[in-house]
Amino acid sequence: MAEKRDYYEVLGVSKSASDDEIKKAFRKLAKQYHPDLHPNDKQAEEKFKEVNEAYEVLSDKDKKAKYDQFGFAGVDPNYGAGQAGTGGFGGFSGFDDLGDIFESFFGGGFGGSRRAANPNAPKRGGDIRTNIILDFMEACKGKTVTVTVNRMEKCPDCNGTGAAAGSSPTICPDCHGTGQVTVTQRTPFGAMQSTQVCSKCQGKGKIVDKPCKSCGGNGRVRKAAKLNVNIPAGIDDGQVTRLSGAGDNGLNGGPSGDLIISVTVRPDPIFERDGYDVWTEVPITFAQAALGDEIVVPTIDGKVKYNIPAGTQSGTVFRLKGRGIKNLRRPDKGDHYVKVNVEIPKNLSKEQEKLLREFDKSVEQKNYITRQSFFEKLKEKFK
């Protein structure tokens, strides 16, 4: 198995990176390695999964804190075997660590046996991941999408027992269902008891004499499933949503894992998102800016009319309160900001040029407030 890379290294950010820097790095890499852009490219697919895994941890404050303190072991209980503690006897933190040392030699605890986990206890199924691409408006409004995932499901032929029809698993006679056996060994330190995996049942606690042909005795089979996922209104590019219980089926009656969906949002040619606010640039004519006018503004809820005042300058921003994107966690919406840009006409006819020059001559200096202020400052500077 390939060695995991440091999550900060995966995203190309430092440990002191802000949430925005982490999010920005994730978006860039997620788009770079997205499977839709690299069909049948296994390397890109693995990179994409690696980037998603790193972002899921570093974007969560609790997981990030555990990762910073304990590394992969802090966020993945199945990763490695942990690290030795400090203190005690030359770096061993008490008898638990001494027990680990003896266990490495003799396969068991020190002066006794540890309590074994019940192999037949319910176990939660694993989470599975997928990615979807939404248009800007779909992300704003929410959408029900259908995704196809491959997940482990209970074998329908044996109903999850792993045994062929007409038979059932039996309790292992050697370990009596515990999955482990205790062995006593004589050593220079005295009699040592060690707990070992039962060789007869391979630690399962049960024996399947006639395995189910469909699942090979595992009790689960991998199947493709089509699922309808409700994407909430207001979700942003790079965010994830979770469908509880839609992951791998659990073992021994345990709950199923979750389906984690990463969302990529296509940029829009008209709208730009800033949190839950929306920005739009609207071109207006010189006459509209000078005289004022009622203009039509596109919003995510449709077109609205807005009266711009006479003397509006190019670059002026107007706010449409509550016309933005719905907040994921609250019922309110963001705002819509409209930036108007005065477009200077091109390719004028002779008559139009004549009229414009006549108009320019008729305008006095006091009509140009900004220009008048500039020349007054210039005059004062070179007085």
Protein backbone atom coordinates (compact mmCIF):
# COMPACT_ATOMS: atom_id res chain seq x y z
CA MET A 1 0.00 0.00 0.00
CA ALA A 2 1.37 3.43 -0.93
CA GLU A 3 2.47 5.65 1.94
CA LYS A 4 -0.01 8.43 2.71
CA ARG A 5 1.17 11.96 2.01
CA ASP A 6 0.84 14.73 4.54
CA TYR A 7 -2.51 16.49 4.01
CA TYR A 8 -0.89 19.94 3.97
CA GLU A 9 1.54 18.69 1.33
CA VAL A 10 -1.34 17.29 -0.73
CA LEU A 11 -3.05 20.70 -0.86
CA GLY A 12 0.23 22.58 -1.16
CA VAL A 13 -0.38 24.82 1.88
CA SER A 14 1.46 25.45 5.12
CA LYS A 15 0.22 24.39 8.56
CA SER A 16 -0.52 28.04 9.33
CA ALA A 17 -2.77 28.39 6.25
CA SER A 18 -6.14 30.06 6.83
CA ASP A 19 -9.50 28.41 6.08
CA ASP A 20 -9.80 30.52 2.92
CA GLU A 21 -6.32 29.49 1.74
CA ILE A 22 -7.13 25.81 2.32
CA LYS A 23 -10.43 26.17 0.48
CA LYS A 24 -8.82 28.02 -2.43
CA ALA A 25 -6.10 25.36 -2.78
CA PHE A 26 -8.71 22.57 -2.71
CA ARG A 27 -10.84 24.19 -5.42
CA LYS A 28 -7.84 24.60 -7.69
CA LEU A 29 -6.68 20.99 -7.31
CA ALA A 30 -10.19 19.49 -7.42
CA LYS A 31 -10.79 21.14 -10.80
CA GLN A 32 -7.30 20.15 -12.01
CA TYR A 33 -7.79 16.45 -11.29
CA HIS A 34 -11.56 16.14 -11.74
CA PRO A 35 -12.47 12.77 -13.36
CA ASP A 36 -14.66 14.49 -15.95
CA LEU A 37 -11.55 16.24 -17.29
CA HIS A 38 -9.44 13.06 -17.21
CA PRO A 39 -11.61 10.13 -18.32
CA ASN A 40 -10.03 6.70 -17.76
CA ASP A 41 -7.02 8.30 -16.06
CA LYS A 42 -6.47 6.26 -12.89
CA GLN A 43 -3.65 8.49 -11.69
CA ALA A 44 -5.82 11.62 -11.89
CA GLU A 45 -8.65 9.76 -10.17
CA GLU A 46 -6.38 8.80 -7.27
CA LYS A 47 -5.10 12.39 -7.04
CA PHE A 48 -8.70 13.63 -6.92
CA LYS A 49 -9.55 11.22 -4.08
CA GLU A 50 -6.39 12.23 -2.22
CA VAL A 51 -7.28 15.94 -2.51
CA ASN A 52 -10.85 15.32 -1.30
CA GLU A 53 -9.61 13.30 1.67
CA ALA A 54 -7.15 16.02 2.66
CA TYR A 55 -9.77 18.78 2.38
CA GLU A 56 -12.36 16.86 4.40
CA VAL A 57 -9.94 16.76 7.34
CA LEU A 58 -8.34 20.21 7.06
CA SER A 59 -11.68 22.00 6.52
CA ASP A 60 -13.09 20.53 9.75
CA LYS A 61 -11.75 22.31 12.86
CA ASP A 62 -12.01 19.27 15.14
CA LYS A 63 -10.47 16.86 12.65
CA LYS A 64 -7.75 19.36 11.77
CA ALA A 65 -6.82 19.77 15.44
CA LYS A 66 -6.60 16.00 15.91
CA TYR A 67 -4.56 15.63 12.75
CA ASP A 68 -2.16 18.39 13.81
CA GLN A 69 -1.65 16.67 17.16
CA PHE A 70 -1.66 12.97 16.27
CA GLY A 71 -1.21 12.81 12.48
CA PHE A 72 -3.20 10.23 10.52
CA ALA A 73 -3.87 8.20 13.68
CA GLY A 74 -5.91 11.12 15.01
CA VAL A 75 -8.44 11.04 12.14
CA ASP A 76 -8.24 7.41 11.00
CA PRO A 77 -8.47 4.79 13.78
CA ASN A 78 -7.43 2.09 11.30
CA TYR A 79 -4.17 3.83 10.41
CA GLY A 80 -1.01 2.22 11.76
CA ALA A 81 -0.58 1.16 15.37
CA GLY A 82 0.09 4.50 17.00
CA GLN A 83 3.35 5.77 18.42
CA ALA A 84 5.10 4.91 21.66
CA GLY A 85 4.53 7.32 24.50
CA THR A 86 7.17 9.01 26.61
CA GLY A 87 7.98 8.81 30.30
CA GLY A 88 8.04 5.79 32.60
CA PHE A 89 10.95 3.40 32.01
CA GLY A 90 13.20 5.10 29.49
CA GLY A 91 10.34 6.27 27.29
CA PHE A 92 7.68 3.62 28.11
CA SER A 93 4.56 5.17 29.64
CA GLY A 94 3.89 2.57 32.31
CA PHE A 95 2.85 -1.08 32.22
CA ASP A 96 0.65 -0.76 29.16
CA ASP A 97 3.73 0.00 27.10
CA LEU A 98 5.72 -2.76 28.83
CA GLY A 99 2.86 -5.05 27.91
CA ASP A 100 3.24 -3.97 24.29
CA ILE A 101 6.95 -4.81 24.40
CA PHE A 102 6.26 -8.28 25.75
CA GLU A 103 3.46 -8.71 23.26
CA SER A 104 5.89 -8.02 20.43
CA PHE A 105 7.99 -10.95 21.67
CA PHE A 106 5.41 -13.37 22.93
CA GLY A 107 2.21 -12.31 21.17
CA GLY A 108 0.31 -11.34 24.32
CA GLY A 109 0.06 -9.10 27.37
CA PHE A 110 2.35 -8.88 30.39
CA GLY A 111 1.37 -11.15 33.28
CA GLY A 112 -2.10 -11.74 31.90
CA SER A 113 -4.30 -11.41 28.83
CA ARG A 114 -6.09 -8.38 27.46
CA ARG A 115 -9.79 -8.29 26.93
CA ALA A 116 -10.45 -9.17 23.31
CA ALA A 117 -12.93 -7.26 21.22
CA ASN A 118 -16.02 -9.23 20.34
CA PRO A 119 -15.62 -10.28 16.67
CA ASN A 120 -19.37 -10.66 16.36
CA ALA A 121 -20.23 -7.20 17.68
CA PRO A 122 -22.04 -4.88 15.27
CA LYS A 123 -19.64 -2.85 13.11
CA ARG A 124 -20.46 0.29 11.17
CA GLY A 125 -20.01 0.13 7.41
CA GLY A 126 -17.46 2.33 5.65
CA ASP A 127 -18.22 5.72 4.11
CA ILE A 128 -18.08 6.04 0.34
CA ARG A 129 -17.42 9.15 -1.73
CA THR A 130 -18.51 10.59 -5.02
CA ASN A 131 -18.43 13.96 -6.81
CA ILE A 132 -21.06 15.89 -8.72
CA ILE A 133 -20.88 18.98 -10.95
CA LEU A 134 -23.62 21.62 -10.75
CA ASP A 135 -24.39 24.74 -12.73
CA PHE A 136 -24.32 28.01 -10.80
CA MET A 137 -28.10 28.29 -10.65
CA GLU A 138 -28.50 24.65 -9.56
CA ALA A 139 -26.20 25.32 -6.61
CA CYS A 140 -28.17 28.46 -5.71
CA LYS A 141 -31.58 26.82 -5.91
CA GLY A 142 -30.75 23.25 -4.88
CA LYS A 143 -31.38 20.16 -6.94
CA THR A 144 -32.16 16.46 -6.66
CA VAL A 145 -29.46 14.53 -8.51
CA THR A 146 -29.11 10.83 -9.24
CA VAL A 147 -25.70 9.33 -8.56
CA THR A 148 -24.43 5.81 -9.19
CA VAL A 149 -22.11 4.37 -6.55
CA ASN A 150 -20.49 1.02 -5.91
CA ARG A 151 -21.01 -0.10 -2.33
CA MET A 152 -20.97 -3.22 -0.17
CA GLU A 153 -24.49 -4.54 0.40
CA LYS A 154 -25.87 -7.44 2.38
CA CYS A 155 -25.74 -10.58 0.27
CA PRO A 156 -29.34 -11.30 -0.77
CA ASP A 157 -28.73 -15.05 -1.14
CA CYS A 158 -27.49 -15.69 2.41
CA ASN A 159 -29.00 -12.62 4.08
CA GLY A 160 -25.56 -11.60 5.30
CA THR A 161 -24.71 -14.81 7.18
CA GLY A 162 -22.09 -15.96 4.66
CA ALA A 163 -23.50 -19.49 4.77
CA ALA A 164 -25.07 -21.31 1.84
CA ALA A 165 -28.82 -21.85 1.73
CA GLY A 166 -29.95 -24.51 4.19
CA SER A 167 -26.95 -24.02 6.49
CA SER A 168 -25.82 -21.53 9.10
CA PRO A 169 -22.52 -20.52 10.76
CA THR A 170 -21.51 -22.39 13.91
CA ILE A 171 -19.68 -21.11 16.97
CA CYS A 172 -15.99 -21.91 16.77
CA PRO A 173 -15.21 -24.75 19.26
CA ASP A 174 -11.66 -23.54 19.90
CA CYS A 175 -12.33 -19.90 20.88
CA HIS A 176 -16.03 -20.29 21.78
CA GLY A 177 -16.96 -17.33 19.61
CA THR A 178 -14.41 -14.85 20.96
CA GLY A 179 -12.12 -15.04 17.91
CA GLN A 180 -9.07 -15.32 20.17
CA VAL A 181 -7.38 -18.01 22.25
CA THR A 182 -5.11 -17.72 25.29
CA VAL A 183 -1.73 -19.46 25.17
CA THR A 184 0.59 -19.90 28.17
CA GLN A 185 4.35 -19.89 27.56
CA ARG A 186 7.26 -20.37 29.94
CA THR A 187 9.91 -17.65 29.66
CA PRO A 188 12.90 -16.41 31.70
CA PHE A 189 10.43 -13.96 33.25
CA GLY A 190 8.07 -16.73 34.33
CA ALA A 191 4.82 -17.98 32.85
CA MET A 192 3.44 -15.61 30.27
CA GLN A 193 -0.06 -15.65 28.90
CA SER A 194 -0.61 -14.34 25.40
CA THR A 195 -3.79 -13.74 23.47
CA GLN A 196 -3.64 -14.82 19.85
CA VAL A 197 -6.01 -14.86 16.91
CA CYS A 198 -7.82 -18.15 16.73
CA SER A 199 -6.33 -20.11 13.83
CA LYS A 200 -9.40 -22.27 13.36
CA CYS A 201 -11.86 -19.45 12.60
CA GLN A 202 -9.28 -16.76 11.65
CA GLY A 203 -10.57 -14.51 14.40
CA LYS A 204 -14.20 -14.47 13.23
CA GLY A 205 -15.57 -16.46 16.14
CA LYS A 206 -17.75 -18.46 13.75
CA ILE A 207 -17.11 -21.17 11.20
CA VAL A 208 -18.92 -21.36 7.88
CA ASP A 209 -18.74 -24.96 6.68
CA LYS A 210 -20.66 -24.27 3.49
CA PRO A 211 -19.88 -20.74 2.23
CA CYS A 212 -22.43 -18.89 0.14
CA LYS A 213 -21.37 -18.99 -3.51
CA SER A 214 -22.54 -15.45 -4.19
CA CYS A 215 -20.43 -13.71 -1.52
CA GLY A 216 -17.79 -16.39 -0.84
CA GLY A 217 -18.75 -16.46 2.84
CA ASN A 218 -18.24 -12.73 3.44
CA GLY A 219 -21.92 -11.93 3.88
CA ARG A 220 -21.64 -8.84 1.63
CA VAL A 221 -21.37 -8.26 -2.11
CA ARG A 222 -20.33 -5.17 -4.05
CA LYS A 223 -23.17 -3.74 -6.12
CA ALA A 224 -23.88 -0.62 -8.14
CA ALA A 225 -26.69 1.46 -6.69
CA LYS A 226 -28.53 4.49 -8.06
CA LEU A 227 -29.37 6.99 -5.36
CA ASN A 228 -31.35 10.23 -5.37
CA VAL A 229 -29.53 12.95 -3.45
CA ASN A 230 -31.14 16.25 -2.44
CA ILE A 231 -28.50 18.96 -2.81
CA PRO A 232 -29.50 21.86 -0.54
CA ALA A 233 -30.01 25.36 -1.92
CA GLY A 234 -27.01 27.59 -1.30
CA ILE A 235 -24.27 24.97 -1.46
CA ASP A 236 -20.95 26.36 -2.70
CA ASP A 237 -18.13 25.09 -4.85
CA GLY A 238 -15.85 22.75 -2.88
CA GLN A 239 -18.38 21.98 -0.13
CA VAL A 240 -19.58 18.48 0.75
CA THR A 241 -22.96 17.09 1.69
CA ARG A 242 -23.67 13.78 3.37
CA LEU A 243 -26.38 11.18 2.77
CA SER A 244 -26.66 9.25 6.02
CA GLY A 245 -26.82 5.47 5.79
CA ALA A 246 -26.12 5.30 2.06
CA GLY A 247 -22.57 3.93 2.35
CA ASP A 248 -21.31 0.38 2.80
CA ASN A 249 -23.59 -2.01 4.67
CA GLY A 250 -22.53 -2.70 8.25
CA LEU A 251 -21.35 -6.03 9.64
CA ASN A 252 -23.15 -8.15 12.22
CA GLY A 253 -26.18 -5.91 12.10
CA GLY A 254 -24.17 -2.70 12.44
CA PRO A 255 -25.35 0.54 10.80
CA SER A 256 -24.40 1.44 7.24
CA GLY A 257 -21.82 4.11 6.52
CA ASP A 258 -22.59 7.41 4.79
CA LEU A 259 -22.32 8.67 1.24
CA ILE A 260 -20.19 11.82 1.10
CA ILE A 261 -20.76 13.98 -1.98
CA SER A 262 -18.21 16.62 -3.00
CA VAL A 263 -19.70 19.46 -5.06
CA THR A 264 -18.06 21.31 -7.93
CA VAL A 265 -19.90 24.39 -9.25
CA ARG A 266 -19.33 25.67 -12.78
CA PRO A 267 -18.62 29.42 -12.99
CA ASP A 268 -21.41 31.60 -14.42
CA PRO A 269 -20.89 34.16 -17.21
CA ILE A 270 -23.18 36.75 -15.54
CA PHE A 271 -23.16 36.11 -11.79
CA GLU A 272 -20.26 35.96 -9.38
CA ARG A 273 -20.62 34.58 -5.88
CA ASP A 274 -19.12 36.04 -2.71
CA GLY A 275 -20.28 33.97 0.25
CA TYR A 276 -24.06 34.24 0.06
CA ASP A 277 -23.95 37.52 -1.88
CA VAL A 278 -24.13 37.78 -5.67
CA TRP A 279 -22.40 40.37 -7.87
CA THR A 280 -23.41 41.47 -11.37
CA GLU A 281 -21.94 44.08 -13.70
CA VAL A 282 -24.49 45.91 -15.86
CA PRO A 283 -23.47 48.22 -18.74
CA ILE A 284 -25.42 51.47 -19.09
CA THR A 285 -25.30 54.32 -21.61
CA PHE A 286 -23.91 57.79 -21.03
CA ALA A 287 -27.41 59.24 -21.26
CA GLN A 288 -28.77 56.78 -18.68
CA ALA A 289 -25.96 57.65 -16.28
CA ALA A 290 -26.38 61.40 -16.77
CA LEU A 291 -30.17 61.58 -16.73
CA GLY A 292 -31.06 58.58 -14.60
CA ASP A 293 -33.17 55.70 -15.84
CA GLU A 294 -35.02 52.53 -14.94
CA ILE A 295 -32.77 49.58 -15.79
CA VAL A 296 -33.41 45.83 -15.77
CA VAL A 297 -31.12 43.82 -13.49
CA PRO A 298 -30.81 40.00 -13.76
CA THR A 299 -30.89 38.21 -10.40
CA ILE A 300 -30.96 34.52 -9.46
CA ASP A 301 -34.71 34.92 -8.85
CA GLY A 302 -35.38 36.59 -12.21
CA LYS A 303 -35.26 40.08 -13.67
CA VAL A 304 -35.98 43.09 -11.44
CA LYS A 305 -36.30 46.80 -12.26
CA TYR A 306 -34.11 49.37 -10.55
CA ASN A 307 -34.09 53.16 -10.84
CA ILE A 308 -30.60 54.60 -11.06
CA PRO A 309 -30.38 58.29 -10.13
CA ALA A 310 -29.24 61.09 -12.44
CA GLY A 311 -25.49 61.66 -12.37
CA THR A 312 -24.57 58.03 -11.64
CA GLN A 313 -20.85 57.52 -12.11
CA SER A 314 -19.27 54.51 -13.81
CA GLY A 315 -18.34 51.87 -11.23
CA THR A 316 -21.12 52.81 -8.80
CA VAL A 317 -22.44 49.82 -6.82
CA PHE A 318 -26.10 49.43 -5.84
CA ARG A 319 -27.39 46.92 -3.30
CA LEU A 320 -30.51 44.80 -3.71
CA LYS A 321 -31.20 43.55 -0.20
CA GLY A 322 -32.25 39.89 0.19
CA ARG A 323 -31.80 39.11 -3.52
CA GLY A 324 -28.78 36.86 -2.98
CA ILE A 325 -28.31 33.17 -2.17
CA LYS A 326 -30.11 31.29 0.59
CA ASN A 327 -28.01 30.64 3.68
CA LEU A 328 -27.43 26.92 4.28
CA ARG A 329 -27.92 27.22 8.02
CA ARG A 330 -30.45 30.05 8.30
CA PRO A 331 -33.64 31.04 6.47
CA ASP A 332 -32.30 34.43 5.35
CA LYS A 333 -30.59 35.26 2.04
CA GLY A 334 -27.57 37.26 1.05
CA ASP A 335 -27.73 40.45 -1.03
CA HIS A 336 -27.29 41.17 -4.73
CA TYR A 337 -24.79 43.89 -5.66
CA VAL A 338 -25.07 45.63 -9.02
CA LYS A 339 -22.05 47.46 -10.41
CA VAL A 340 -22.91 49.78 -13.29
CA ASN A 341 -20.33 50.59 -15.92
CA VAL A 342 -20.87 53.47 -18.34
CA GLU A 343 -20.15 52.26 -21.87
CA ILE A 344 -18.61 54.85 -24.21
CA PRO A 345 -20.19 54.62 -27.68
CA LYS A 346 -18.00 53.76 -30.69
CA ASN A 347 -18.33 54.20 -34.48
CA LEU A 348 -20.33 57.46 -34.27
CA SER A 349 -21.72 59.02 -37.42
CA LYS A 350 -20.76 62.56 -38.45
CA GLU A 351 -24.10 63.88 -37.26
CA GLN A 352 -23.71 62.14 -33.89
CA GLU A 353 -20.19 63.56 -33.49
CA LYS A 354 -21.49 67.05 -34.26
CA LEU A 355 -24.29 66.76 -31.71
CA LEU A 356 -21.90 65.45 -29.08
CA ARG A 357 -19.44 68.29 -29.59
CA GLU A 358 -22.25 70.84 -29.34
CA PHE A 359 -23.39 69.19 -26.12
CA ASP A 360 -19.85 69.21 -24.73
CA LYS A 361 -19.53 72.93 -25.41
CA SER A 362 -22.80 73.57 -23.62
CA VAL A 363 -21.65 71.81 -20.42
CA GLU A 364 -20.02 74.01 -17.80
CA GLN A 365 -17.16 73.12 -15.47
CA LYS A 366 -19.51 73.01 -12.50
CA ASN A 367 -21.34 70.08 -14.08
CA TYR A 368 -18.19 67.94 -13.68
CA ILE A 369 -17.72 67.75 -9.92
CA THR A 370 -14.90 65.19 -9.88
CA ARG A 371 -13.04 66.89 -12.71
CA GLN A 372 -13.42 70.30 -11.08
CA SER A 373 -12.05 68.95 -7.80
CA PHE A 374 -9.08 67.38 -9.58
CA PHE A 375 -8.02 70.60 -11.30
CA GLU A 376 -8.43 72.58 -8.09
CA LYS A 377 -6.06 70.19 -6.32
CA LEU A 378 -3.65 70.34 -9.26
CA LYS A 379 -3.73 74.13 -9.22
CA GLU A 380 -3.06 74.20 -5.48
CA LYS A 381 -0.14 71.80 -5.85
CA PHE A 382 1.68 73.88 -8.45
CA LYS A 383 0.67 77.26 -7.04
